[in-house]
Amino acid sequence: RENIQIEKISPVLIKTVIAVEDRNFYSHNGLDFIGIARALYRDIMAVAFVEGGSTLTQQLARNLFLSRKRTLSRKLAEAILAVKIERYYTKQEILEMYLNQVYWGHNAYGIQSASMLYFGKSATHLTLAESAMLVGILTGPELYSPFRNFSGAKRRQKIVLNQMVKQNWIDDELAVKTYESDIVLQKQKKLRYKAPYFTQYIIKQLIDMYGEEA
């Protein structure tokens, strides 16, 4: 993870994240009841947890403090923590924490690390095409990694752009032009460890038990 201040993150990326992940981010207090109702309806129709309806603040609470297990008790805890986070932090601070926390695949946490990993550039300079692809793969960063599954990443990019059109954030012409524009990926570096996510987990346990020097 490489933390970056919100002022240095591309406004296009921020706009894309909000449009797709939490369109009412600036107007809710941590919970989006319309989104929750929509998700609940879909869950009831499917007789399963199929849609979270979580705001960015709820996602931040889950990433920081909770497991990803889809249970009613976890959702309740997530909601309570989200409201508390909104009381103590501004929207800009919440956005900054979220974008520096979220996982983007290949052991890259935070938007700065993801931008450097995939495109070899700072998150300051992300384009709409790159932002749409990054936000698109959030639902499954390993599954839709453009390194491993470029066609899948392009499909996700198109979904994001279509969502932005529906919300009148961009028009059809710009969406098509963006989708058809070239994406230049950074050459993937060889990772220090095999199975890096698991290895980092074990390393953290060892440091906690024996100290960093040992």
N, C-alpha and C. Protein backbone atom coordinates (compact mmCIF):
# COMPACT_ATOMS: atom_id res chain seq x y z
N ARG A 1 0.83 -1.19 0.00
CA ARG A 1 0.00 0.00 0.00
C ARG A 1 0.87 1.25 0.00
N GLU A 2 0.49 2.21 -0.83
CA GLU A 2 1.15 3.52 -0.84
C GLU A 2 0.06 4.58 -0.71
N ASN A 3 -0.02 5.19 0.43
CA ASN A 3 -1.09 6.17 0.67
C ASN A 3 -0.90 7.42 -0.18
N ILE A 4 -2.03 8.02 -0.57
CA ILE A 4 -2.01 9.23 -1.37
C ILE A 4 -3.13 10.15 -0.89
N GLN A 5 -2.87 11.44 -0.85
CA GLN A 5 -3.88 12.39 -0.40
C GLN A 5 -4.99 12.52 -1.44
N ILE A 6 -6.20 12.76 -0.98
CA ILE A 6 -7.36 12.84 -1.85
C ILE A 6 -7.18 13.93 -2.92
N GLU A 7 -6.50 15.02 -2.56
CA GLU A 7 -6.29 16.12 -3.50
C GLU A 7 -5.42 15.71 -4.68
N LYS A 8 -4.64 14.64 -4.51
CA LYS A 8 -3.74 14.20 -5.56
C LYS A 8 -4.31 13.06 -6.41
N ILE A 9 -5.51 12.60 -6.05
CA ILE A 9 -6.14 11.52 -6.82
C ILE A 9 -6.95 12.13 -7.96
N SER A 10 -6.87 11.51 -9.11
CA SER A 10 -7.59 12.01 -10.29
C SER A 10 -9.07 12.22 -9.99
N PRO A 11 -9.61 13.41 -10.23
CA PRO A 11 -11.05 13.67 -10.03
C PRO A 11 -11.92 12.75 -10.87
N VAL A 12 -11.39 12.32 -12.01
CA VAL A 12 -12.13 11.39 -12.88
C VAL A 12 -12.31 10.05 -12.18
N LEU A 13 -11.26 9.57 -11.52
CA LEU A 13 -11.35 8.31 -10.78
C LEU A 13 -12.35 8.43 -9.64
N ILE A 14 -12.29 9.52 -8.90
CA ILE A 14 -13.21 9.74 -7.78
C ILE A 14 -14.65 9.76 -8.27
N LYS A 15 -14.87 10.47 -9.36
CA LYS A 15 -16.21 10.57 -9.94
C LYS A 15 -16.72 9.19 -10.37
N THR A 16 -15.84 8.39 -10.95
CA THR A 16 -16.21 7.05 -11.42
C THR A 16 -16.56 6.13 -10.26
N VAL A 17 -15.77 6.17 -9.21
CA VAL A 17 -16.04 5.34 -8.03
C VAL A 17 -17.40 5.68 -7.43
N ILE A 18 -17.67 6.96 -7.27
CA ILE A 18 -18.94 7.38 -6.67
C ILE A 18 -20.12 7.00 -7.56
N ALA A 19 -19.97 7.20 -8.87
CA ALA A 19 -21.06 6.89 -9.79
C ALA A 19 -21.45 5.42 -9.75
N VAL A 20 -20.47 4.55 -9.58
CA VAL A 20 -20.73 3.11 -9.64
C VAL A 20 -20.97 2.50 -8.27
N GLU A 21 -20.18 2.89 -7.29
CA GLU A 21 -20.24 2.25 -5.99
C GLU A 21 -21.23 2.89 -5.01
N ASP A 22 -21.47 4.22 -5.17
CA ASP A 22 -22.31 4.89 -4.16
C ASP A 22 -22.77 6.25 -4.70
N ARG A 23 -23.77 6.22 -5.56
CA ARG A 23 -24.19 7.46 -6.26
C ARG A 23 -24.71 8.53 -5.32
N ASN A 24 -25.17 8.15 -4.14
CA ASN A 24 -25.72 9.11 -3.17
C ASN A 24 -24.73 9.42 -2.05
N PHE A 25 -23.44 9.19 -2.32
CA PHE A 25 -22.41 9.33 -1.29
C PHE A 25 -22.47 10.67 -0.56
N TYR A 26 -22.63 11.75 -1.30
CA TYR A 26 -22.56 13.08 -0.68
C TYR A 26 -23.85 13.48 0.05
N SER A 27 -24.90 12.68 -0.08
CA SER A 27 -26.17 13.07 0.54
C SER A 27 -26.60 12.16 1.70
N HIS A 28 -25.96 11.00 1.87
CA HIS A 28 -26.38 10.11 2.96
C HIS A 28 -25.47 10.26 4.19
N ASN A 29 -25.89 9.68 5.30
CA ASN A 29 -25.13 9.77 6.56
C ASN A 29 -24.42 8.45 6.88
N GLY A 30 -24.11 7.70 5.82
CA GLY A 30 -23.45 6.41 6.01
C GLY A 30 -24.28 5.27 5.49
N LEU A 31 -25.61 5.45 5.46
CA LEU A 31 -26.53 4.43 4.98
C LEU A 31 -27.38 5.01 3.86
N ASP A 32 -27.52 4.27 2.80
CA ASP A 32 -28.37 4.67 1.67
C ASP A 32 -29.60 3.78 1.69
N PHE A 33 -30.68 4.27 2.26
CA PHE A 33 -31.86 3.44 2.46
C PHE A 33 -32.52 3.02 1.15
N ILE A 34 -32.41 3.85 0.13
CA ILE A 34 -32.94 3.46 -1.18
C ILE A 34 -32.13 2.29 -1.73
N GLY A 35 -30.82 2.38 -1.59
CA GLY A 35 -29.95 1.30 -2.03
C GLY A 35 -30.19 0.02 -1.23
N ILE A 36 -30.39 0.17 0.08
CA ILE A 36 -30.66 -0.98 0.94
C ILE A 36 -31.97 -1.65 0.53
N ALA A 37 -33.00 -0.83 0.28
CA ALA A 37 -34.31 -1.37 -0.12
C ALA A 37 -34.21 -2.11 -1.44
N ARG A 38 -33.46 -1.53 -2.38
CA ARG A 38 -33.28 -2.17 -3.68
C ARG A 38 -32.55 -3.50 -3.53
N ALA A 39 -31.50 -3.52 -2.71
CA ALA A 39 -30.74 -4.74 -2.49
C ALA A 39 -31.57 -5.79 -1.76
N LEU A 40 -32.37 -5.34 -0.78
CA LEU A 40 -33.21 -6.26 -0.02
C LEU A 40 -34.24 -6.92 -0.93
N TYR A 41 -34.82 -6.13 -1.83
CA TYR A 41 -35.80 -6.67 -2.77
C TYR A 41 -35.17 -7.77 -3.63
N ARG A 42 -33.96 -7.49 -4.13
CA ARG A 42 -33.30 -8.48 -4.97
C ARG A 42 -32.90 -9.72 -4.18
N ASP A 43 -32.50 -9.53 -2.92
CA ASP A 43 -32.17 -10.66 -2.07
C ASP A 43 -33.39 -11.54 -1.82
N ILE A 44 -34.53 -10.90 -1.56
CA ILE A 44 -35.78 -11.63 -1.30
C ILE A 44 -36.21 -12.40 -2.54
N MET A 45 -36.12 -11.76 -3.70
CA MET A 45 -36.51 -12.41 -4.94
C MET A 45 -35.62 -13.61 -5.24
N ALA A 46 -34.33 -13.50 -4.88
CA ALA A 46 -33.39 -14.58 -5.15
C ALA A 46 -33.28 -15.58 -4.00
N VAL A 47 -33.94 -15.25 -2.86
CA VAL A 47 -33.86 -16.06 -1.63
C VAL A 47 -32.40 -16.30 -1.24
N ALA A 48 -31.60 -15.23 -1.33
CA ALA A 48 -30.18 -15.32 -0.98
C ALA A 48 -29.61 -13.91 -0.95
N PHE A 49 -28.40 -13.79 -0.39
CA PHE A 49 -27.69 -12.51 -0.44
C PHE A 49 -27.05 -12.37 -1.81
N VAL A 50 -27.66 -11.58 -2.69
CA VAL A 50 -27.10 -11.41 -4.03
C VAL A 50 -26.58 -10.00 -4.25
N GLU A 51 -27.06 -9.04 -3.46
CA GLU A 51 -26.60 -7.66 -3.62
C GLU A 51 -26.43 -7.03 -2.26
N GLY A 52 -25.31 -6.33 -2.07
CA GLY A 52 -25.02 -5.78 -0.76
C GLY A 52 -25.75 -4.50 -0.44
N GLY A 53 -25.83 -3.59 -1.40
CA GLY A 53 -26.44 -2.29 -1.14
C GLY A 53 -25.61 -1.43 -0.22
N SER A 54 -24.32 -1.75 -0.09
CA SER A 54 -23.46 -1.04 0.85
C SER A 54 -22.96 0.28 0.27
N THR A 55 -22.91 1.30 1.11
CA THR A 55 -22.31 2.57 0.73
C THR A 55 -20.79 2.44 0.81
N LEU A 56 -20.10 3.45 0.29
CA LEU A 56 -18.64 3.46 0.41
C LEU A 56 -18.22 3.43 1.87
N THR A 57 -18.98 4.13 2.72
CA THR A 57 -18.66 4.17 4.15
C THR A 57 -18.84 2.80 4.78
N GLN A 58 -19.89 2.08 4.40
CA GLN A 58 -20.08 0.72 4.90
C GLN A 58 -18.95 -0.20 4.43
N GLN A 59 -18.56 -0.04 3.18
CA GLN A 59 -17.46 -0.85 2.66
C GLN A 59 -16.17 -0.56 3.41
N LEU A 60 -15.95 0.71 3.72
CA LEU A 60 -14.76 1.08 4.50
C LEU A 60 -14.81 0.43 5.88
N ALA A 61 -15.96 0.49 6.53
CA ALA A 61 -16.13 -0.12 7.86
C ALA A 61 -15.84 -1.61 7.80
N ARG A 62 -16.35 -2.26 6.76
CA ARG A 62 -16.13 -3.71 6.60
C ARG A 62 -14.65 -4.01 6.37
N ASN A 63 -14.02 -3.24 5.48
CA ASN A 63 -12.61 -3.48 5.18
C ASN A 63 -11.71 -3.27 6.39
N LEU A 64 -12.06 -2.28 7.22
CA LEU A 64 -11.22 -1.96 8.38
C LEU A 64 -11.44 -2.87 9.57
N PHE A 65 -12.71 -3.23 9.81
CA PHE A 65 -13.03 -3.85 11.10
C PHE A 65 -13.73 -5.21 11.04
N LEU A 66 -14.31 -5.59 9.92
CA LEU A 66 -15.20 -6.75 9.90
C LEU A 66 -14.77 -7.79 8.88
N SER A 67 -15.40 -8.97 8.97
CA SER A 67 -15.17 -10.02 7.98
C SER A 67 -16.07 -9.76 6.78
N ARG A 68 -15.87 -10.52 5.72
CA ARG A 68 -16.68 -10.37 4.51
C ARG A 68 -17.84 -11.37 4.49
N LYS A 69 -18.01 -12.11 5.57
CA LYS A 69 -19.08 -13.10 5.63
C LYS A 69 -20.44 -12.42 5.58
N ARG A 70 -21.32 -12.87 4.70
CA ARG A 70 -22.62 -12.23 4.50
C ARG A 70 -23.63 -12.75 5.52
N THR A 71 -23.67 -12.12 6.67
CA THR A 71 -24.63 -12.47 7.71
C THR A 71 -25.36 -11.22 8.15
N LEU A 72 -26.51 -11.41 8.77
CA LEU A 72 -27.30 -10.28 9.23
C LEU A 72 -26.57 -9.50 10.32
N SER A 73 -25.89 -10.22 11.22
CA SER A 73 -25.18 -9.56 12.32
C SER A 73 -24.02 -8.70 11.80
N ARG A 74 -23.34 -9.20 10.77
CA ARG A 74 -22.24 -8.40 10.20
C ARG A 74 -22.78 -7.16 9.50
N LYS A 75 -23.90 -7.31 8.80
CA LYS A 75 -24.50 -6.16 8.12
C LYS A 75 -24.94 -5.11 9.13
N LEU A 76 -25.46 -5.55 10.26
CA LEU A 76 -25.89 -4.62 11.31
C LEU A 76 -24.68 -3.88 11.89
N ALA A 77 -23.62 -4.62 12.18
CA ALA A 77 -22.40 -4.00 12.70
C ALA A 77 -21.82 -3.02 11.69
N GLU A 78 -21.86 -3.40 10.43
CA GLU A 78 -21.36 -2.55 9.34
C GLU A 78 -22.13 -1.23 9.29
N ALA A 79 -23.45 -1.32 9.44
CA ALA A 79 -24.30 -0.12 9.40
C ALA A 79 -24.00 0.81 10.58
N ILE A 80 -23.86 0.24 11.76
CA ILE A 80 -23.59 1.04 12.96
C ILE A 80 -22.24 1.75 12.84
N LEU A 81 -21.23 1.00 12.40
CA LEU A 81 -19.90 1.57 12.23
C LEU A 81 -19.88 2.66 11.15
N ALA A 82 -20.65 2.45 10.08
CA ALA A 82 -20.71 3.44 9.00
C ALA A 82 -21.26 4.77 9.49
N VAL A 83 -22.32 4.71 10.30
CA VAL A 83 -22.91 5.94 10.85
C VAL A 83 -21.91 6.64 11.77
N LYS A 84 -21.18 5.87 12.57
CA LYS A 84 -20.18 6.46 13.47
C LYS A 84 -19.04 7.10 12.68
N ILE A 85 -18.60 6.43 11.63
CA ILE A 85 -17.53 6.98 10.79
C ILE A 85 -17.97 8.31 10.19
N GLU A 86 -19.21 8.38 9.72
CA GLU A 86 -19.74 9.61 9.11
C GLU A 86 -19.80 10.76 10.13
N ARG A 87 -19.98 10.43 11.40
CA ARG A 87 -20.04 11.47 12.44
C ARG A 87 -18.67 12.06 12.72
N TYR A 88 -17.65 11.24 12.60
CA TYR A 88 -16.31 11.68 13.00
C TYR A 88 -15.45 12.21 11.85
N TYR A 89 -15.80 11.85 10.61
CA TYR A 89 -14.96 12.22 9.47
C TYR A 89 -15.77 12.93 8.39
N THR A 90 -15.10 13.78 7.63
CA THR A 90 -15.74 14.46 6.50
C THR A 90 -15.84 13.48 5.33
N LYS A 91 -16.63 13.85 4.34
CA LYS A 91 -16.77 13.01 3.15
C LYS A 91 -15.44 12.84 2.44
N GLN A 92 -14.65 13.90 2.37
CA GLN A 92 -13.35 13.82 1.72
C GLN A 92 -12.41 12.88 2.47
N GLU A 93 -12.46 12.93 3.79
CA GLU A 93 -11.61 12.03 4.59
C GLU A 93 -12.04 10.58 4.41
N ILE A 94 -13.34 10.34 4.33
CA ILE A 94 -13.85 8.98 4.13
C ILE A 94 -13.43 8.46 2.76
N LEU A 95 -13.56 9.30 1.75
CA LEU A 95 -13.13 8.92 0.40
C LEU A 95 -11.65 8.58 0.37
N GLU A 96 -10.86 9.41 1.02
CA GLU A 96 -9.41 9.19 1.04
C GLU A 96 -9.08 7.86 1.73
N MET A 97 -9.71 7.60 2.86
CA MET A 97 -9.48 6.34 3.56
C MET A 97 -9.90 5.15 2.71
N TYR A 98 -11.07 5.25 2.08
CA TYR A 98 -11.58 4.16 1.25
C TYR A 98 -10.63 3.86 0.10
N LEU A 99 -10.24 4.90 -0.62
CA LEU A 99 -9.41 4.71 -1.81
C LEU A 99 -8.00 4.24 -1.46
N ASN A 100 -7.55 4.51 -0.25
CA ASN A 100 -6.24 4.02 0.18
C ASN A 100 -6.33 2.63 0.81
N GLN A 101 -7.55 2.16 1.06
CA GLN A 101 -7.75 0.89 1.75
C GLN A 101 -8.12 -0.26 0.81
N VAL A 102 -8.90 0.04 -0.22
CA VAL A 102 -9.54 -1.00 -1.01
C VAL A 102 -8.51 -1.84 -1.78
N TYR A 103 -8.85 -3.12 -1.98
CA TYR A 103 -7.94 -4.08 -2.61
C TYR A 103 -8.20 -4.15 -4.12
N TRP A 104 -7.13 -4.07 -4.90
CA TRP A 104 -7.26 -4.05 -6.36
C TRP A 104 -6.56 -5.22 -7.04
N GLY A 105 -6.23 -6.25 -6.31
CA GLY A 105 -5.61 -7.43 -6.92
C GLY A 105 -4.09 -7.39 -6.90
N HIS A 106 -3.49 -8.57 -7.04
CA HIS A 106 -2.03 -8.73 -7.13
C HIS A 106 -1.31 -8.08 -5.94
N ASN A 107 -1.92 -8.17 -4.77
CA ASN A 107 -1.33 -7.64 -3.54
C ASN A 107 -1.24 -6.12 -3.54
N ALA A 108 -2.02 -5.45 -4.37
CA ALA A 108 -2.03 -3.98 -4.43
C ALA A 108 -3.22 -3.44 -3.64
N TYR A 109 -2.92 -2.74 -2.57
CA TYR A 109 -3.95 -2.11 -1.74
C TYR A 109 -3.89 -0.59 -1.95
N GLY A 110 -5.04 -0.01 -2.23
CA GLY A 110 -5.10 1.43 -2.42
C GLY A 110 -4.92 1.82 -3.88
N ILE A 111 -5.50 2.96 -4.23
CA ILE A 111 -5.53 3.40 -5.62
C ILE A 111 -4.15 3.74 -6.16
N GLN A 112 -3.28 4.27 -5.34
CA GLN A 112 -1.93 4.62 -5.82
C GLN A 112 -1.16 3.36 -6.22
N SER A 113 -1.20 2.34 -5.37
CA SER A 113 -0.52 1.08 -5.68
C SER A 113 -1.12 0.43 -6.92
N ALA A 114 -2.45 0.48 -7.03
CA ALA A 114 -3.13 -0.13 -8.18
C ALA A 114 -2.77 0.59 -9.47
N SER A 115 -2.75 1.92 -9.42
CA SER A 115 -2.43 2.71 -10.61
C SER A 115 -0.99 2.45 -11.07
N MET A 116 -0.07 2.37 -10.12
CA MET A 116 1.32 2.08 -10.46
C MET A 116 1.46 0.65 -11.00
N LEU A 117 0.74 -0.28 -10.39
CA LEU A 117 0.82 -1.68 -10.80
C LEU A 117 0.34 -1.87 -12.24
N TYR A 118 -0.86 -1.38 -12.53
CA TYR A 118 -1.48 -1.66 -13.83
C TYR A 118 -1.02 -0.71 -14.94
N PHE A 119 -0.80 0.55 -14.59
CA PHE A 119 -0.54 1.54 -15.64
C PHE A 119 0.80 2.26 -15.52
N GLY A 120 1.54 1.99 -14.44
CA GLY A 120 2.85 2.59 -14.28
C GLY A 120 2.81 4.09 -14.11
N LYS A 121 1.74 4.60 -13.52
CA LYS A 121 1.60 6.04 -13.32
C LYS A 121 0.93 6.32 -11.98
N SER A 122 1.08 7.55 -11.50
CA SER A 122 0.43 7.96 -10.27
C SER A 122 -1.09 8.04 -10.48
N ALA A 123 -1.84 7.84 -9.41
CA ALA A 123 -3.30 7.95 -9.47
C ALA A 123 -3.74 9.36 -9.83
N THR A 124 -2.83 10.31 -9.74
CA THR A 124 -3.13 11.69 -10.12
C THR A 124 -3.50 11.80 -11.60
N HIS A 125 -2.92 10.92 -12.41
CA HIS A 125 -3.02 11.08 -13.86
C HIS A 125 -3.92 10.03 -14.53
N LEU A 126 -4.75 9.35 -13.77
CA LEU A 126 -5.63 8.33 -14.34
C LEU A 126 -6.66 8.95 -15.29
N THR A 127 -6.84 8.34 -16.45
CA THR A 127 -7.83 8.78 -17.42
C THR A 127 -9.19 8.14 -17.13
N LEU A 128 -10.20 8.53 -17.88
CA LEU A 128 -11.53 7.92 -17.72
C LEU A 128 -11.49 6.45 -18.09
N ALA A 129 -10.80 6.10 -19.16
CA ALA A 129 -10.71 4.70 -19.58
C ALA A 129 -10.05 3.84 -18.50
N GLU A 130 -8.96 4.34 -17.94
CA GLU A 130 -8.24 3.61 -16.89
C GLU A 130 -9.07 3.55 -15.61
N SER A 131 -9.72 4.65 -15.27
CA SER A 131 -10.56 4.71 -14.06
C SER A 131 -11.72 3.73 -14.17
N ALA A 132 -12.37 3.69 -15.33
CA ALA A 132 -13.51 2.79 -15.53
C ALA A 132 -13.07 1.33 -15.43
N MET A 133 -11.89 1.03 -15.92
CA MET A 133 -11.40 -0.35 -15.83
C MET A 133 -11.08 -0.71 -14.37
N LEU A 134 -10.42 0.19 -13.66
CA LEU A 134 -10.08 -0.08 -12.26
C LEU A 134 -11.33 -0.26 -11.40
N VAL A 135 -12.30 0.63 -11.57
CA VAL A 135 -13.53 0.54 -10.78
C VAL A 135 -14.31 -0.72 -11.18
N GLY A 136 -14.24 -1.07 -12.46
CA GLY A 136 -14.94 -2.26 -12.93
C GLY A 136 -14.43 -3.54 -12.32
N ILE A 137 -13.13 -3.64 -12.09
CA ILE A 137 -12.58 -4.90 -11.57
C ILE A 137 -12.68 -5.00 -10.05
N LEU A 138 -13.19 -3.95 -9.38
CA LEU A 138 -13.30 -3.99 -7.92
C LEU A 138 -14.13 -5.17 -7.43
N THR A 139 -15.15 -5.58 -8.21
CA THR A 139 -16.02 -6.67 -7.78
C THR A 139 -15.27 -8.01 -7.72
N GLY A 140 -14.18 -8.11 -8.47
CA GLY A 140 -13.39 -9.34 -8.47
C GLY A 140 -12.01 -9.07 -9.03
N PRO A 141 -11.15 -8.40 -8.25
CA PRO A 141 -9.86 -7.94 -8.77
C PRO A 141 -8.94 -9.05 -9.27
N GLU A 142 -9.02 -10.23 -8.69
CA GLU A 142 -8.19 -11.33 -9.19
C GLU A 142 -8.84 -11.96 -10.42
N LEU A 143 -10.16 -12.08 -10.40
CA LEU A 143 -10.90 -12.68 -11.52
C LEU A 143 -10.82 -11.83 -12.77
N TYR A 144 -10.96 -10.49 -12.60
CA TYR A 144 -10.99 -9.59 -13.75
C TYR A 144 -9.68 -8.84 -13.98
N SER A 145 -8.62 -9.28 -13.35
CA SER A 145 -7.33 -8.62 -13.54
C SER A 145 -7.01 -8.48 -15.02
N PRO A 146 -6.72 -7.26 -15.49
CA PRO A 146 -6.37 -7.10 -16.91
C PRO A 146 -5.10 -7.83 -17.30
N PHE A 147 -4.25 -8.16 -16.34
CA PHE A 147 -3.06 -8.96 -16.65
C PHE A 147 -3.45 -10.39 -17.03
N ARG A 148 -4.45 -10.93 -16.34
CA ARG A 148 -4.84 -12.33 -16.54
C ARG A 148 -6.05 -12.48 -17.45
N ASN A 149 -6.93 -11.49 -17.43
CA ASN A 149 -8.21 -11.60 -18.12
C ASN A 149 -8.59 -10.24 -18.71
N PHE A 150 -7.87 -9.84 -19.76
CA PHE A 150 -8.08 -8.51 -20.31
C PHE A 150 -9.49 -8.35 -20.89
N SER A 151 -10.00 -9.38 -21.53
CA SER A 151 -11.35 -9.30 -22.10
C SER A 151 -12.39 -9.14 -21.00
N GLY A 152 -12.18 -9.82 -19.86
CA GLY A 152 -13.08 -9.67 -18.72
C GLY A 152 -13.01 -8.27 -18.14
N ALA A 153 -11.80 -7.71 -18.06
CA ALA A 153 -11.62 -6.34 -17.56
C ALA A 153 -12.29 -5.33 -18.49
N LYS A 154 -12.23 -5.59 -19.80
CA LYS A 154 -12.89 -4.70 -20.76
C LYS A 154 -14.41 -4.78 -20.63
N ARG A 155 -14.93 -5.98 -20.37
CA ARG A 155 -16.38 -6.12 -20.15
C ARG A 155 -16.81 -5.32 -18.93
N ARG A 156 -16.02 -5.41 -17.87
CA ARG A 156 -16.33 -4.67 -16.65
C ARG A 156 -16.23 -3.16 -16.90
N GLN A 157 -15.25 -2.75 -17.68
CA GLN A 157 -15.09 -1.34 -18.03
C GLN A 157 -16.34 -0.82 -18.75
N LYS A 158 -16.86 -1.62 -19.67
CA LYS A 158 -18.06 -1.22 -20.42
C LYS A 158 -19.27 -1.09 -19.51
N ILE A 159 -19.41 -1.99 -18.55
CA ILE A 159 -20.51 -1.92 -17.59
C ILE A 159 -20.45 -0.61 -16.80
N VAL A 160 -19.24 -0.24 -16.37
CA VAL A 160 -19.04 0.99 -15.61
C VAL A 160 -19.42 2.20 -16.45
N LEU A 161 -18.94 2.24 -17.69
CA LEU A 161 -19.24 3.36 -18.57
C LEU A 161 -20.74 3.48 -18.84
N ASN A 162 -21.40 2.34 -19.04
CA ASN A 162 -22.85 2.35 -19.26
C ASN A 162 -23.59 2.87 -18.03
N GLN A 163 -23.10 2.49 -16.85
CA GLN A 163 -23.69 2.97 -15.61
C GLN A 163 -23.55 4.49 -15.49
N MET A 164 -22.42 5.01 -15.90
CA MET A 164 -22.18 6.45 -15.85
C MET A 164 -23.08 7.19 -16.85
N VAL A 165 -23.36 6.57 -17.98
CA VAL A 165 -24.28 7.15 -18.96
C VAL A 165 -25.68 7.22 -18.38
N LYS A 166 -26.11 6.12 -17.73
CA LYS A 166 -27.45 6.07 -17.13
C LYS A 166 -27.66 7.18 -16.11
N GLN A 167 -26.58 7.53 -15.42
CA GLN A 167 -26.68 8.56 -14.39
C GLN A 167 -26.35 9.96 -14.92
N ASN A 168 -26.19 10.04 -16.25
CA ASN A 168 -25.92 11.33 -16.91
C ASN A 168 -24.59 11.96 -16.48
N TRP A 169 -23.65 11.13 -16.07
CA TRP A 169 -22.33 11.64 -15.73
C TRP A 169 -21.51 11.86 -17.00
N ILE A 170 -21.76 10.99 -18.01
CA ILE A 170 -21.13 11.14 -19.32
C ILE A 170 -22.20 10.82 -20.36
N ASP A 171 -21.93 11.18 -21.64
CA ASP A 171 -22.91 10.86 -22.69
C ASP A 171 -22.47 9.61 -23.46
N ASP A 172 -23.34 9.13 -24.33
CA ASP A 172 -23.07 7.90 -25.09
C ASP A 172 -21.81 8.01 -25.94
N GLU A 173 -21.64 9.16 -26.56
CA GLU A 173 -20.49 9.36 -27.45
C GLU A 173 -19.18 9.22 -26.69
N LEU A 174 -19.10 9.84 -25.52
CA LEU A 174 -17.87 9.75 -24.72
C LEU A 174 -17.66 8.33 -24.22
N ALA A 175 -18.73 7.63 -23.85
CA ALA A 175 -18.63 6.25 -23.37
C ALA A 175 -18.05 5.35 -24.46
N VAL A 176 -18.55 5.48 -25.68
CA VAL A 176 -18.07 4.66 -26.79
C VAL A 176 -16.61 4.99 -27.11
N LYS A 177 -16.30 6.29 -27.16
CA LYS A 177 -14.93 6.73 -27.45
C LYS A 177 -13.96 6.22 -26.38
N THR A 178 -14.38 6.28 -25.13
CA THR A 178 -13.53 5.82 -24.02
C THR A 178 -13.31 4.32 -24.09
N TYR A 179 -14.38 3.58 -24.35
CA TYR A 179 -14.28 2.11 -24.43
C TYR A 179 -13.35 1.68 -25.56
N GLU A 180 -13.38 2.41 -26.66
CA GLU A 180 -12.58 2.05 -27.83
C GLU A 180 -11.14 2.56 -27.75
N SER A 181 -10.85 3.41 -26.78
CA SER A 181 -9.48 3.93 -26.65
C SER A 181 -8.54 2.84 -26.13
N ASP A 182 -7.28 2.96 -26.49
CA ASP A 182 -6.28 1.95 -26.11
C ASP A 182 -5.96 2.04 -24.62
N ILE A 183 -5.79 0.87 -24.02
CA ILE A 183 -5.32 0.78 -22.64
C ILE A 183 -3.91 0.20 -22.69
N VAL A 184 -2.96 0.94 -22.16
CA VAL A 184 -1.56 0.48 -22.13
C VAL A 184 -1.24 0.01 -20.71
N LEU A 185 -1.05 -1.30 -20.58
CA LEU A 185 -0.75 -1.87 -19.27
C LEU A 185 0.75 -1.84 -19.00
N GLN A 186 1.06 -1.65 -17.73
CA GLN A 186 2.45 -1.73 -17.28
C GLN A 186 2.90 -3.19 -17.36
N LYS A 187 4.14 -3.41 -17.74
CA LYS A 187 4.66 -4.77 -17.74
C LYS A 187 4.65 -5.30 -16.32
N GLN A 188 4.04 -6.45 -16.13
CA GLN A 188 3.88 -7.00 -14.78
C GLN A 188 5.22 -7.43 -14.20
N LYS A 189 5.50 -6.92 -13.00
CA LYS A 189 6.74 -7.28 -12.33
C LYS A 189 6.60 -8.64 -11.64
N LYS A 190 7.71 -9.34 -11.57
CA LYS A 190 7.69 -10.63 -10.87
C LYS A 190 7.55 -10.37 -9.38
N LEU A 191 6.61 -11.06 -8.75
CA LEU A 191 6.35 -10.85 -7.33
C LEU A 191 7.45 -11.46 -6.47
N ARG A 192 7.67 -10.85 -5.33
CA ARG A 192 8.72 -11.32 -4.43
C ARG A 192 8.40 -12.71 -3.87
N TYR A 193 7.12 -12.96 -3.62
CA TYR A 193 6.70 -14.25 -3.07
C TYR A 193 5.67 -14.90 -3.98
N LYS A 194 5.61 -16.21 -3.94
CA LYS A 194 4.48 -16.91 -4.53
C LYS A 194 3.30 -16.76 -3.57
N ALA A 195 2.08 -16.80 -4.11
CA ALA A 195 0.87 -16.63 -3.29
C ALA A 195 1.02 -15.44 -2.34
N PRO A 196 1.22 -14.23 -2.87
CA PRO A 196 1.58 -13.07 -2.04
C PRO A 196 0.56 -12.73 -0.95
N TYR A 197 -0.74 -12.89 -1.24
CA TYR A 197 -1.75 -12.53 -0.24
C TYR A 197 -1.60 -13.42 0.99
N PHE A 198 -1.44 -14.73 0.76
CA PHE A 198 -1.28 -15.67 1.85
C PHE A 198 0.05 -15.45 2.57
N THR A 199 1.10 -15.22 1.79
CA THR A 199 2.43 -15.01 2.37
C THR A 199 2.46 -13.78 3.28
N GLN A 200 1.84 -12.68 2.80
CA GLN A 200 1.80 -11.46 3.61
C GLN A 200 1.03 -11.69 4.91
N TYR A 201 -0.02 -12.50 4.85
CA TYR A 201 -0.80 -12.84 6.05
C TYR A 201 0.08 -13.55 7.07
N ILE A 202 0.86 -14.52 6.61
CA ILE A 202 1.75 -15.28 7.49
C ILE A 202 2.85 -14.39 8.05
N ILE A 203 3.42 -13.52 7.19
CA ILE A 203 4.47 -12.61 7.64
C ILE A 203 3.96 -11.70 8.76
N LYS A 204 2.75 -11.19 8.59
CA LYS A 204 2.15 -10.33 9.62
C LYS A 204 2.01 -11.09 10.94
N GLN A 205 1.57 -12.35 10.86
CA GLN A 205 1.43 -13.16 12.07
C GLN A 205 2.79 -13.35 12.76
N LEU A 206 3.81 -13.60 11.96
CA LEU A 206 5.15 -13.82 12.52
C LEU A 206 5.70 -12.55 13.17
N ILE A 207 5.47 -11.41 12.54
CA ILE A 207 5.92 -10.13 13.11
C ILE A 207 5.22 -9.87 14.43
N ASP A 208 3.91 -10.12 14.47
CA ASP A 208 3.14 -9.93 15.71
C ASP A 208 3.64 -10.84 16.82
N MET A 209 4.05 -12.05 16.45
CA MET A 209 4.48 -13.03 17.46
C MET A 209 5.93 -12.81 17.91
N TYR A 210 6.83 -12.49 16.98
CA TYR A 210 8.27 -12.49 17.28
C TYR A 210 8.97 -11.15 17.08
N GLY A 211 8.25 -10.15 16.52
CA GLY A 211 8.86 -8.87 16.27
C GLY A 211 9.47 -8.79 14.88
N GLU A 212 9.61 -7.58 14.37
CA GLU A 212 10.04 -7.39 12.98
C GLU A 212 11.50 -7.78 12.77
N GLU A 213 12.36 -7.53 13.78
CA GLU A 213 13.77 -7.82 13.62
C GLU A 213 14.00 -9.33 13.46
N ALA A 214 13.33 -10.10 14.27
CA ALA A 214 13.48 -11.57 14.19
C ALA A 214 12.97 -12.08 12.86
